[in-house]
Amino acid sequence: MDGMTRTGFLRGAASGGAAVAAGGALAFLASPAAAAPSEQDLAWVRFGITAEAVAVTFYARARTVGGWSTDERRTLERATAAQVAHRNAFRKTLVDLDEPVIDPQDIEVELPDAGFASRSAAITLGRRIESILLHGYLGALSTIADPAIRRLFAQVTASEAAQHTWLTSLQGPLLTDPFPSVHGIGTAAAALAEFLP
């Protein structure tokens, strides 16, 4: 696949969003085993690959920032491994469906240098990235028709929530929103595109 740019990413997300009206109702009525995933479902999987690439880059770079305790640095290493596992699971989903796959080297990620100026700055940037993933994945869970893909997103969302909670706990008491916002593919893609060239 050609290199992923912000424009290409947003264009792909938009085409997936348009397919929901045509494919969403049919996918719901068809039996899960017989129906191929809709373009909307596949757009969410591609979003997931790109989102996890941003998260992998963040956690790998955050580990180089000074000020972390030994336990925090180990947690960052585990978070990096989790993001790689998420990305690989999303990629495998496309491979198993004989769909074009986005390779990690095709995704250029541009994170702000200011986000790594200190431990505190890295925590703030990490929380922002994790929030984008969480709100986007909640949107995926509310629109994906394919049960296997929806289950994968549910598992990844739970993992991202744990990572977001950990980062949040490093900055003080946890404040929870009883009903977090749910982003559609367009809104989620626009938020994530901030970290793509």
N, C-alpha and C. Protein backbone atom coordinates (compact mmCIF):
# COMPACT_ATOMS: atom_id res chain seq x y z
N MET A 1 0.85 -1.18 0.00
CA MET A 1 0.00 0.00 0.00
C MET A 1 0.89 1.23 0.00
N ASP A 2 0.44 2.29 -0.67
CA ASP A 2 1.21 3.53 -0.69
C ASP A 2 1.28 4.12 0.71
N GLY A 3 2.25 5.02 0.91
CA GLY A 3 2.40 5.68 2.21
C GLY A 3 1.12 6.37 2.64
N MET A 4 0.82 6.26 3.91
CA MET A 4 -0.40 6.86 4.46
C MET A 4 -0.14 8.32 4.79
N THR A 5 -0.94 9.19 4.21
CA THR A 5 -0.86 10.62 4.52
C THR A 5 -2.16 11.03 5.19
N ARG A 6 -2.15 12.23 5.74
CA ARG A 6 -3.36 12.74 6.38
C ARG A 6 -4.52 12.79 5.39
N THR A 7 -4.27 13.27 4.18
CA THR A 7 -5.32 13.38 3.17
C THR A 7 -5.86 12.01 2.80
N GLY A 8 -4.96 11.05 2.56
CA GLY A 8 -5.39 9.70 2.21
C GLY A 8 -6.16 9.04 3.33
N PHE A 9 -5.71 9.26 4.54
CA PHE A 9 -6.38 8.69 5.70
C PHE A 9 -7.79 9.24 5.83
N LEU A 10 -7.94 10.56 5.73
CA LEU A 10 -9.26 11.17 5.86
C LEU A 10 -10.18 10.76 4.70
N ARG A 11 -9.61 10.64 3.50
CA ARG A 11 -10.41 10.22 2.35
C ARG A 11 -10.93 8.80 2.57
N GLY A 12 -10.08 7.90 3.06
CA GLY A 12 -10.49 6.52 3.33
C GLY A 12 -11.55 6.45 4.40
N ALA A 13 -11.39 7.26 5.43
CA ALA A 13 -12.39 7.26 6.51
C ALA A 13 -13.73 7.76 5.99
N ALA A 14 -13.69 8.77 5.13
CA ALA A 14 -14.93 9.33 4.58
C ALA A 14 -15.64 8.30 3.71
N SER A 15 -14.90 7.54 2.90
CA SER A 15 -15.55 6.55 2.04
C SER A 15 -16.17 5.44 2.87
N GLY A 16 -15.56 5.09 3.99
CA GLY A 16 -16.14 4.09 4.87
C GLY A 16 -17.43 4.59 5.50
N GLY A 17 -17.46 5.88 5.85
CA GLY A 17 -18.64 6.46 6.46
C GLY A 17 -19.81 6.47 5.51
N ALA A 18 -19.55 6.70 4.21
CA ALA A 18 -20.62 6.75 3.23
C ALA A 18 -21.23 5.37 3.01
N ALA A 19 -20.44 4.34 3.24
CA ALA A 19 -20.92 2.98 2.98
C ALA A 19 -21.89 2.48 4.03
N VAL A 20 -21.94 3.14 5.18
CA VAL A 20 -22.79 2.61 6.24
C VAL A 20 -24.26 2.62 5.86
N ALA A 21 -24.70 3.63 5.15
CA ALA A 21 -26.11 3.69 4.78
C ALA A 21 -26.47 2.55 3.84
N ALA A 22 -25.58 2.27 2.89
CA ALA A 22 -25.87 1.22 1.93
C ALA A 22 -25.64 -0.17 2.51
N GLY A 23 -24.54 -0.35 3.22
CA GLY A 23 -24.18 -1.69 3.68
C GLY A 23 -24.62 -2.02 5.08
N GLY A 24 -24.83 -1.02 5.91
CA GLY A 24 -25.12 -1.28 7.32
C GLY A 24 -26.41 -2.05 7.52
N ALA A 25 -27.48 -1.65 6.85
CA ALA A 25 -28.76 -2.32 7.03
C ALA A 25 -28.71 -3.74 6.48
N LEU A 26 -28.06 -3.93 5.32
CA LEU A 26 -27.97 -5.27 4.75
C LEU A 26 -27.14 -6.19 5.61
N ALA A 27 -26.04 -5.68 6.16
CA ALA A 27 -25.19 -6.50 7.02
C ALA A 27 -25.96 -6.92 8.28
N PHE A 28 -26.81 -6.05 8.76
CA PHE A 28 -27.60 -6.37 9.96
C PHE A 28 -28.61 -7.47 9.67
N LEU A 29 -29.21 -7.45 8.48
CA LEU A 29 -30.24 -8.42 8.15
C LEU A 29 -29.66 -9.77 7.74
N ALA A 30 -28.44 -9.79 7.19
CA ALA A 30 -27.84 -11.03 6.74
C ALA A 30 -27.30 -11.80 7.93
N SER A 31 -27.13 -13.11 7.75
CA SER A 31 -26.56 -13.90 8.84
C SER A 31 -25.09 -13.54 8.99
N PRO A 32 -24.56 -13.51 10.22
CA PRO A 32 -23.18 -13.09 10.44
C PRO A 32 -22.17 -13.94 9.67
N ALA A 33 -22.40 -15.24 9.52
CA ALA A 33 -21.45 -16.09 8.84
C ALA A 33 -21.44 -15.83 7.34
N ALA A 34 -22.58 -15.44 6.77
CA ALA A 34 -22.68 -15.28 5.33
C ALA A 34 -22.25 -13.91 4.85
N ALA A 35 -22.37 -12.90 5.68
CA ALA A 35 -22.13 -11.53 5.24
C ALA A 35 -20.65 -11.17 5.36
N ALA A 36 -20.14 -10.56 4.32
CA ALA A 36 -18.79 -10.01 4.38
C ALA A 36 -18.86 -8.70 5.15
N PRO A 37 -17.77 -8.33 5.83
CA PRO A 37 -17.80 -7.05 6.54
C PRO A 37 -18.07 -5.89 5.58
N SER A 38 -18.80 -4.92 6.05
CA SER A 38 -19.13 -3.75 5.24
C SER A 38 -17.90 -2.86 5.08
N GLU A 39 -17.99 -1.94 4.15
CA GLU A 39 -16.91 -0.95 3.99
C GLU A 39 -16.74 -0.13 5.26
N GLN A 40 -17.84 0.12 5.96
CA GLN A 40 -17.77 0.85 7.23
C GLN A 40 -16.93 0.07 8.24
N ASP A 41 -17.18 -1.24 8.35
CA ASP A 41 -16.40 -2.08 9.28
C ASP A 41 -14.92 -2.05 8.90
N LEU A 42 -14.63 -2.19 7.61
CA LEU A 42 -13.24 -2.20 7.15
C LEU A 42 -12.58 -0.85 7.36
N ALA A 43 -13.34 0.24 7.21
CA ALA A 43 -12.79 1.57 7.47
C ALA A 43 -12.38 1.69 8.94
N TRP A 44 -13.18 1.13 9.84
CA TRP A 44 -12.82 1.16 11.25
C TRP A 44 -11.56 0.35 11.53
N VAL A 45 -11.40 -0.79 10.86
CA VAL A 45 -10.19 -1.59 11.05
C VAL A 45 -8.97 -0.80 10.58
N ARG A 46 -9.10 -0.14 9.45
CA ARG A 46 -7.97 0.68 8.95
C ARG A 46 -7.70 1.86 9.90
N PHE A 47 -8.75 2.44 10.44
CA PHE A 47 -8.57 3.48 11.46
C PHE A 47 -7.79 2.91 12.64
N GLY A 48 -8.17 1.71 13.08
CA GLY A 48 -7.49 1.07 14.21
C GLY A 48 -6.01 0.87 13.95
N ILE A 49 -5.65 0.43 12.75
CA ILE A 49 -4.23 0.24 12.41
C ILE A 49 -3.49 1.56 12.53
N THR A 50 -4.07 2.61 11.98
CA THR A 50 -3.43 3.92 12.01
C THR A 50 -3.37 4.47 13.43
N ALA A 51 -4.46 4.33 14.17
CA ALA A 51 -4.49 4.81 15.55
C ALA A 51 -3.44 4.11 16.40
N GLU A 52 -3.32 2.80 16.23
CA GLU A 52 -2.33 2.05 17.01
C GLU A 52 -0.91 2.41 16.59
N ALA A 53 -0.71 2.77 15.33
CA ALA A 53 0.62 3.22 14.90
C ALA A 53 1.00 4.51 15.63
N VAL A 54 0.04 5.41 15.80
CA VAL A 54 0.29 6.64 16.55
C VAL A 54 0.63 6.29 18.00
N ALA A 55 -0.14 5.38 18.59
CA ALA A 55 0.09 5.01 19.98
C ALA A 55 1.43 4.29 20.17
N VAL A 56 1.80 3.40 19.25
CA VAL A 56 3.10 2.72 19.33
C VAL A 56 4.21 3.76 19.32
N THR A 57 4.11 4.71 18.40
CA THR A 57 5.14 5.76 18.31
C THR A 57 5.21 6.56 19.60
N PHE A 58 4.04 6.91 20.14
CA PHE A 58 4.03 7.67 21.39
C PHE A 58 4.73 6.90 22.51
N TYR A 59 4.30 5.68 22.78
CA TYR A 59 4.83 4.94 23.93
C TYR A 59 6.33 4.65 23.76
N ALA A 60 6.75 4.33 22.54
CA ALA A 60 8.18 4.08 22.32
C ALA A 60 8.98 5.34 22.60
N ARG A 61 8.49 6.48 22.15
CA ARG A 61 9.21 7.73 22.36
C ARG A 61 9.11 8.20 23.81
N ALA A 62 7.97 7.99 24.45
CA ALA A 62 7.79 8.41 25.84
C ALA A 62 8.79 7.72 26.76
N ARG A 63 9.15 6.48 26.42
CA ARG A 63 10.10 5.74 27.25
C ARG A 63 11.47 6.40 27.29
N THR A 64 11.78 7.24 26.31
CA THR A 64 13.09 7.90 26.28
C THR A 64 13.13 9.18 27.11
N VAL A 65 11.98 9.61 27.58
CA VAL A 65 11.89 10.83 28.38
C VAL A 65 12.39 10.53 29.80
N GLY A 66 13.10 11.45 30.40
CA GLY A 66 13.57 11.26 31.77
C GLY A 66 12.46 11.48 32.79
N GLY A 67 12.72 11.03 34.01
CA GLY A 67 11.79 11.30 35.10
C GLY A 67 10.86 10.16 35.45
N TRP A 68 10.82 9.09 34.65
CA TRP A 68 9.95 7.96 34.97
C TRP A 68 10.61 7.11 36.06
N SER A 69 9.80 6.55 36.92
CA SER A 69 10.32 5.57 37.88
C SER A 69 10.57 4.27 37.12
N THR A 70 11.25 3.34 37.75
CA THR A 70 11.50 2.03 37.12
C THR A 70 10.19 1.33 36.81
N ASP A 71 9.25 1.35 37.74
CA ASP A 71 7.95 0.71 37.50
C ASP A 71 7.18 1.40 36.37
N GLU A 72 7.24 2.72 36.32
CA GLU A 72 6.56 3.45 35.24
C GLU A 72 7.17 3.11 33.88
N ARG A 73 8.49 3.01 33.84
CA ARG A 73 9.15 2.67 32.57
C ARG A 73 8.75 1.26 32.12
N ARG A 74 8.62 0.34 33.07
CA ARG A 74 8.16 -1.02 32.73
C ARG A 74 6.73 -0.99 32.20
N THR A 75 5.90 -0.15 32.80
CA THR A 75 4.51 -0.02 32.34
C THR A 75 4.48 0.55 30.92
N LEU A 76 5.33 1.51 30.64
CA LEU A 76 5.42 2.06 29.28
C LEU A 76 5.85 0.99 28.29
N GLU A 77 6.76 0.12 28.69
CA GLU A 77 7.19 -0.98 27.82
C GLU A 77 6.03 -1.94 27.55
N ARG A 78 5.27 -2.26 28.59
CA ARG A 78 4.10 -3.13 28.40
C ARG A 78 3.05 -2.45 27.53
N ALA A 79 2.88 -1.15 27.71
CA ALA A 79 1.92 -0.41 26.88
C ALA A 79 2.34 -0.43 25.42
N THR A 80 3.64 -0.27 25.16
CA THR A 80 4.13 -0.34 23.78
C THR A 80 3.81 -1.70 23.18
N ALA A 81 4.08 -2.76 23.94
CA ALA A 81 3.81 -4.12 23.46
C ALA A 81 2.31 -4.31 23.20
N ALA A 82 1.47 -3.75 24.06
CA ALA A 82 0.02 -3.87 23.86
C ALA A 82 -0.40 -3.18 22.57
N GLN A 83 0.14 -1.99 22.32
CA GLN A 83 -0.22 -1.26 21.10
C GLN A 83 0.22 -2.02 19.86
N VAL A 84 1.40 -2.62 19.91
CA VAL A 84 1.87 -3.43 18.78
C VAL A 84 0.94 -4.62 18.57
N ALA A 85 0.53 -5.26 19.66
CA ALA A 85 -0.39 -6.39 19.55
C ALA A 85 -1.73 -5.96 18.95
N HIS A 86 -2.24 -4.81 19.37
CA HIS A 86 -3.50 -4.29 18.80
C HIS A 86 -3.34 -4.07 17.30
N ARG A 87 -2.26 -3.35 16.93
CA ARG A 87 -2.03 -3.06 15.51
C ARG A 87 -1.95 -4.36 14.71
N ASN A 88 -1.22 -5.35 15.22
CA ASN A 88 -1.07 -6.61 14.50
C ASN A 88 -2.39 -7.36 14.39
N ALA A 89 -3.24 -7.28 15.41
CA ALA A 89 -4.55 -7.94 15.35
C ALA A 89 -5.45 -7.28 14.30
N PHE A 90 -5.41 -5.95 14.23
CA PHE A 90 -6.17 -5.25 13.19
C PHE A 90 -5.64 -5.61 11.80
N ARG A 91 -4.32 -5.66 11.66
CA ARG A 91 -3.72 -6.03 10.36
C ARG A 91 -4.12 -7.45 9.97
N LYS A 92 -4.08 -8.38 10.93
CA LYS A 92 -4.44 -9.77 10.66
C LYS A 92 -5.89 -9.88 10.21
N THR A 93 -6.74 -9.03 10.77
CA THR A 93 -8.14 -9.03 10.35
C THR A 93 -8.24 -8.75 8.86
N LEU A 94 -7.50 -7.76 8.37
CA LEU A 94 -7.53 -7.44 6.94
C LEU A 94 -6.92 -8.57 6.12
N VAL A 95 -5.81 -9.14 6.59
CA VAL A 95 -5.17 -10.25 5.88
C VAL A 95 -6.15 -11.42 5.75
N ASP A 96 -6.80 -11.77 6.85
CA ASP A 96 -7.75 -12.89 6.85
C ASP A 96 -8.92 -12.66 5.92
N LEU A 97 -9.26 -11.40 5.67
CA LEU A 97 -10.37 -11.06 4.78
C LEU A 97 -9.91 -10.79 3.34
N ASP A 98 -8.61 -11.02 3.08
CA ASP A 98 -8.03 -10.74 1.75
C ASP A 98 -8.23 -9.29 1.32
N GLU A 99 -8.13 -8.40 2.29
CA GLU A 99 -8.24 -6.96 2.03
C GLU A 99 -6.85 -6.35 1.99
N PRO A 100 -6.68 -5.23 1.27
CA PRO A 100 -5.38 -4.54 1.28
C PRO A 100 -4.99 -4.17 2.72
N VAL A 101 -3.73 -4.40 3.03
CA VAL A 101 -3.24 -4.19 4.39
C VAL A 101 -2.33 -2.97 4.43
N ILE A 102 -2.45 -2.20 5.51
CA ILE A 102 -1.57 -1.07 5.75
C ILE A 102 -0.36 -1.58 6.51
N ASP A 103 0.82 -1.40 5.95
CA ASP A 103 2.05 -1.81 6.63
C ASP A 103 2.50 -0.70 7.57
N PRO A 104 3.10 -1.07 8.71
CA PRO A 104 3.55 -0.05 9.68
C PRO A 104 4.47 1.01 9.06
N GLN A 105 5.35 0.58 8.15
CA GLN A 105 6.27 1.56 7.54
C GLN A 105 5.56 2.52 6.58
N ASP A 106 4.30 2.22 6.24
CA ASP A 106 3.54 3.11 5.37
C ASP A 106 2.88 4.26 6.12
N ILE A 107 2.93 4.22 7.43
CA ILE A 107 2.27 5.24 8.24
C ILE A 107 3.33 6.14 8.86
N GLU A 108 3.29 7.39 8.46
CA GLU A 108 4.19 8.38 9.05
C GLU A 108 3.46 9.07 10.20
N VAL A 109 4.11 9.09 11.34
CA VAL A 109 3.51 9.71 12.52
C VAL A 109 4.37 10.90 12.91
N GLU A 110 3.72 12.03 13.16
CA GLU A 110 4.42 13.24 13.59
C GLU A 110 3.85 13.69 14.93
N LEU A 111 4.58 13.39 15.99
CA LEU A 111 4.16 13.82 17.32
C LEU A 111 4.92 15.08 17.68
N PRO A 112 4.30 16.00 18.39
CA PRO A 112 4.96 17.27 18.72
C PRO A 112 6.13 17.06 19.69
N ASP A 113 7.27 17.66 19.38
CA ASP A 113 8.44 17.55 20.26
C ASP A 113 8.12 18.04 21.67
N ALA A 114 7.25 19.05 21.77
CA ALA A 114 6.89 19.59 23.09
C ALA A 114 6.24 18.52 23.96
N GLY A 115 5.64 17.51 23.36
CA GLY A 115 5.00 16.45 24.11
C GLY A 115 5.99 15.52 24.80
N PHE A 116 7.27 15.71 24.52
CA PHE A 116 8.29 14.86 25.13
C PHE A 116 9.35 15.69 25.85
N ALA A 117 9.01 16.93 26.16
CA ALA A 117 9.95 17.82 26.84
C ALA A 117 10.13 17.43 28.31
N SER A 118 9.16 16.73 28.87
CA SER A 118 9.22 16.32 30.28
C SER A 118 8.27 15.15 30.49
N ARG A 119 8.36 14.54 31.64
CA ARG A 119 7.45 13.46 32.01
C ARG A 119 6.02 13.96 32.00
N SER A 120 5.79 15.14 32.57
CA SER A 120 4.45 15.71 32.62
C SER A 120 3.89 15.96 31.22
N ALA A 121 4.73 16.49 30.33
CA ALA A 121 4.29 16.75 28.95
C ALA A 121 3.94 15.45 28.24
N ALA A 122 4.73 14.40 28.48
CA ALA A 122 4.46 13.10 27.86
C ALA A 122 3.15 12.51 28.38
N ILE A 123 2.90 12.66 29.66
CA ILE A 123 1.64 12.17 30.22
C ILE A 123 0.46 12.89 29.58
N THR A 124 0.57 14.20 29.43
CA THR A 124 -0.52 14.98 28.84
C THR A 124 -0.77 14.56 27.40
N LEU A 125 0.31 14.40 26.62
CA LEU A 125 0.15 13.98 25.23
C LEU A 125 -0.42 12.56 25.16
N GLY A 126 0.07 11.68 26.01
CA GLY A 126 -0.43 10.31 26.02
C GLY A 126 -1.91 10.23 26.34
N ARG A 127 -2.33 11.03 27.30
CA ARG A 127 -3.76 11.06 27.64
C ARG A 127 -4.58 11.55 26.45
N ARG A 128 -4.06 12.53 25.74
CA ARG A 128 -4.78 13.07 24.57
C ARG A 128 -4.92 12.00 23.48
N ILE A 129 -3.83 11.30 23.22
CA ILE A 129 -3.86 10.24 22.21
C ILE A 129 -4.81 9.12 22.63
N GLU A 130 -4.69 8.69 23.89
CA GLU A 130 -5.56 7.61 24.37
C GLU A 130 -7.03 8.04 24.33
N SER A 131 -7.32 9.31 24.59
CA SER A 131 -8.70 9.80 24.52
C SER A 131 -9.24 9.70 23.10
N ILE A 132 -8.41 10.06 22.13
CA ILE A 132 -8.84 9.96 20.72
C ILE A 132 -9.17 8.51 20.39
N LEU A 133 -8.29 7.59 20.80
CA LEU A 133 -8.53 6.18 20.53
C LEU A 133 -9.80 5.69 21.21
N LEU A 134 -9.97 6.05 22.48
CA LEU A 134 -11.15 5.60 23.22
C LEU A 134 -12.45 6.10 22.60
N HIS A 135 -12.52 7.39 22.31
CA HIS A 135 -13.75 7.95 21.74
C HIS A 135 -14.02 7.37 20.35
N GLY A 136 -12.96 7.17 19.58
CA GLY A 136 -13.13 6.55 18.27
C GLY A 136 -13.58 5.11 18.37
N TYR A 137 -12.94 4.35 19.26
CA TYR A 137 -13.30 2.94 19.39
C TYR A 137 -14.72 2.76 19.94
N LEU A 138 -15.16 3.69 20.78
CA LEU A 138 -16.57 3.64 21.22
C LEU A 138 -17.50 3.83 20.02
N GLY A 139 -17.10 4.73 19.12
CA GLY A 139 -17.88 4.91 17.89
C GLY A 139 -17.88 3.65 17.04
N ALA A 140 -16.73 2.98 16.97
CA ALA A 140 -16.65 1.73 16.22
C ALA A 140 -17.60 0.69 16.81
N LEU A 141 -17.59 0.58 18.12
CA LEU A 141 -18.45 -0.42 18.77
C LEU A 141 -19.93 -0.15 18.52
N SER A 142 -20.28 1.10 18.31
CA SER A 142 -21.70 1.42 18.10
C SER A 142 -22.12 1.29 16.64
N THR A 143 -21.17 1.09 15.71
CA THR A 143 -21.53 1.01 14.30
C THR A 143 -21.08 -0.25 13.59
N ILE A 144 -20.10 -0.97 14.10
CA ILE A 144 -19.59 -2.17 13.41
C ILE A 144 -20.64 -3.27 13.46
N ALA A 145 -20.90 -3.86 12.28
CA ALA A 145 -21.91 -4.91 12.18
C ALA A 145 -21.31 -6.31 12.36
N ASP A 146 -20.09 -6.51 11.90
CA ASP A 146 -19.46 -7.83 11.95
C ASP A 146 -19.12 -8.21 13.40
N PRO A 147 -19.65 -9.33 13.91
CA PRO A 147 -19.44 -9.67 15.32
C PRO A 147 -17.98 -9.90 15.70
N ALA A 148 -17.20 -10.53 14.81
CA ALA A 148 -15.79 -10.79 15.13
C ALA A 148 -15.00 -9.49 15.21
N ILE A 149 -15.26 -8.58 14.29
CA ILE A 149 -14.56 -7.29 14.31
C ILE A 149 -15.01 -6.48 15.52
N ARG A 150 -16.30 -6.50 15.83
CA ARG A 150 -16.81 -5.77 16.99
C ARG A 150 -16.18 -6.31 18.28
N ARG A 151 -16.03 -7.62 18.36
CA ARG A 151 -15.40 -8.21 19.56
C ARG A 151 -13.95 -7.75 19.69
N LEU A 152 -13.20 -7.73 18.59
CA LEU A 152 -11.82 -7.26 18.63
C LEU A 152 -11.76 -5.82 19.13
N PHE A 153 -12.63 -4.98 18.62
CA PHE A 153 -12.66 -3.58 19.07
C PHE A 153 -13.02 -3.49 20.55
N ALA A 154 -13.92 -4.34 21.02
CA ALA A 154 -14.27 -4.32 22.45
C ALA A 154 -13.06 -4.66 23.31
N GLN A 155 -12.29 -5.67 22.90
CA GLN A 155 -11.10 -6.06 23.65
C GLN A 155 -10.05 -4.94 23.65
N VAL A 156 -9.83 -4.36 22.48
CA VAL A 156 -8.84 -3.29 22.37
C VAL A 156 -9.29 -2.06 23.16
N THR A 157 -10.58 -1.75 23.13
CA THR A 157 -11.10 -0.61 23.88
C THR A 157 -10.86 -0.78 25.38
N ALA A 158 -11.06 -1.99 25.88
CA ALA A 158 -10.82 -2.24 27.31
C ALA A 158 -9.35 -2.01 27.65
N SER A 159 -8.46 -2.45 26.78
CA SER A 159 -7.02 -2.25 27.01
C SER A 159 -6.66 -0.77 26.97
N GLU A 160 -7.20 -0.05 25.99
CA GLU A 160 -6.92 1.39 25.88
C GLU A 160 -7.45 2.14 27.10
N ALA A 161 -8.61 1.72 27.60
CA ALA A 161 -9.17 2.36 28.79
C ALA A 161 -8.24 2.19 29.99
N ALA A 162 -7.65 1.00 30.12
CA ALA A 162 -6.72 0.76 31.22
C ALA A 162 -5.48 1.65 31.08
N GLN A 163 -4.98 1.79 29.86
CA GLN A 163 -3.80 2.63 29.65
C GLN A 163 -4.12 4.11 29.90
N HIS A 164 -5.29 4.54 29.45
CA HIS A 164 -5.70 5.92 29.70
C HIS A 164 -5.84 6.18 31.19
N THR A 165 -6.42 5.22 31.90
CA THR A 165 -6.59 5.35 33.34
C THR A 165 -5.23 5.45 34.04
N TRP A 166 -4.28 4.63 33.62
CA TRP A 166 -2.95 4.68 34.22
C TRP A 166 -2.31 6.04 34.01
N LEU A 167 -2.34 6.54 32.78
CA LEU A 167 -1.75 7.86 32.50
C LEU A 167 -2.45 8.94 33.31
N THR A 168 -3.78 8.86 33.39
CA THR A 168 -4.54 9.86 34.14
C THR A 168 -4.17 9.82 35.62
N SER A 169 -3.97 8.62 36.15
CA SER A 169 -3.64 8.49 37.57
C SER A 169 -2.30 9.12 37.91
N LEU A 170 -1.41 9.25 36.94
CA LEU A 170 -0.10 9.86 37.17
C LEU A 170 -0.19 11.37 37.37
N GLN A 171 -1.32 11.97 36.96
CA GLN A 171 -1.48 13.42 37.09
C GLN A 171 -2.41 13.81 38.23
N GLY A 172 -2.89 12.86 38.98
CA GLY A 172 -3.74 13.21 40.11
C GLY A 172 -4.96 12.33 40.19
N PRO A 173 -5.92 12.73 40.99
CA PRO A 173 -7.11 11.90 41.19
C PRO A 173 -7.87 11.69 39.89
N LEU A 174 -8.45 10.51 39.78
CA LEU A 174 -9.21 10.18 38.58
C LEU A 174 -10.58 10.84 38.60
N LEU A 175 -10.92 11.47 37.50
CA LEU A 175 -12.26 12.02 37.32
C LEU A 175 -12.85 11.29 36.13
N THR A 176 -14.00 10.71 36.31
CA THR A 176 -14.58 9.94 35.22
C THR A 176 -15.81 10.63 34.67
N ASP A 177 -15.99 10.45 33.39
CA ASP A 177 -17.17 10.95 32.70
C ASP A 177 -18.16 9.79 32.62
N PRO A 178 -19.35 9.92 33.18
CA PRO A 178 -20.26 8.78 33.17
C PRO A 178 -20.70 8.37 31.77
N PHE A 179 -20.67 9.30 30.81
CA PHE A 179 -21.07 9.00 29.44
C PHE A 179 -20.09 9.66 28.47
N PRO A 180 -18.91 9.02 28.23
CA PRO A 180 -17.94 9.61 27.31
C PRO A 180 -18.54 9.79 25.92
N SER A 181 -18.05 10.79 25.21
CA SER A 181 -18.56 11.03 23.86
C SER A 181 -18.16 9.88 22.94
N VAL A 182 -19.00 9.65 21.95
CA VAL A 182 -18.81 8.58 20.98
C VAL A 182 -18.56 9.25 19.63
N HIS A 183 -17.39 8.98 19.04
CA HIS A 183 -17.04 9.62 17.77
C HIS A 183 -17.36 8.70 16.61
N GLY A 184 -17.95 9.27 15.56
CA GLY A 184 -18.09 8.56 14.30
C GLY A 184 -16.74 8.49 13.62
N ILE A 185 -16.65 7.74 12.54
CA ILE A 185 -15.38 7.55 11.85
C ILE A 185 -14.81 8.87 11.35
N GLY A 186 -15.64 9.77 10.88
CA GLY A 186 -15.15 11.06 10.38
C GLY A 186 -14.54 11.91 11.48
N THR A 187 -15.23 12.03 12.60
CA THR A 187 -14.73 12.81 13.73
C THR A 187 -13.47 12.19 14.31
N ALA A 188 -13.48 10.86 14.47
CA ALA A 188 -12.32 10.16 15.02
C ALA A 188 -11.11 10.32 14.09
N ALA A 189 -11.33 10.17 12.79
CA ALA A 189 -10.24 10.30 11.83
C ALA A 189 -9.69 11.72 11.82
N ALA A 190 -10.56 12.71 11.89
CA ALA A 190 -10.10 14.11 11.90
C ALA A 190 -9.25 14.39 13.13
N ALA A 191 -9.62 13.84 14.28
CA ALA A 191 -8.84 14.05 15.50
C ALA A 191 -7.49 13.36 15.40
N LEU A 192 -7.46 12.14 14.87
CA LEU A 192 -6.22 11.39 14.76
C LEU A 192 -5.29 11.98 13.70
N ALA A 193 -5.86 12.59 12.68
CA ALA A 193 -5.06 13.15 11.58
C ALA A 193 -4.09 14.22 12.04
N GLU A 194 -4.31 14.76 13.21
CA GLU A 194 -3.39 15.76 13.77
C GLU A 194 -1.97 15.19 13.89
N PHE A 195 -1.86 13.87 14.04
CA PHE A 195 -0.58 13.23 14.24
C PHE A 195 -0.01 12.59 12.98
N LEU A 196 -0.62 12.89 11.82
CA LEU A 196 -0.14 12.38 10.54
C LEU A 196 0.33 13.56 9.69
N PRO A 197 1.35 13.34 8.85
CA PRO A 197 1.85 14.46 8.03
C PRO A 197 0.85 14.90 6.97
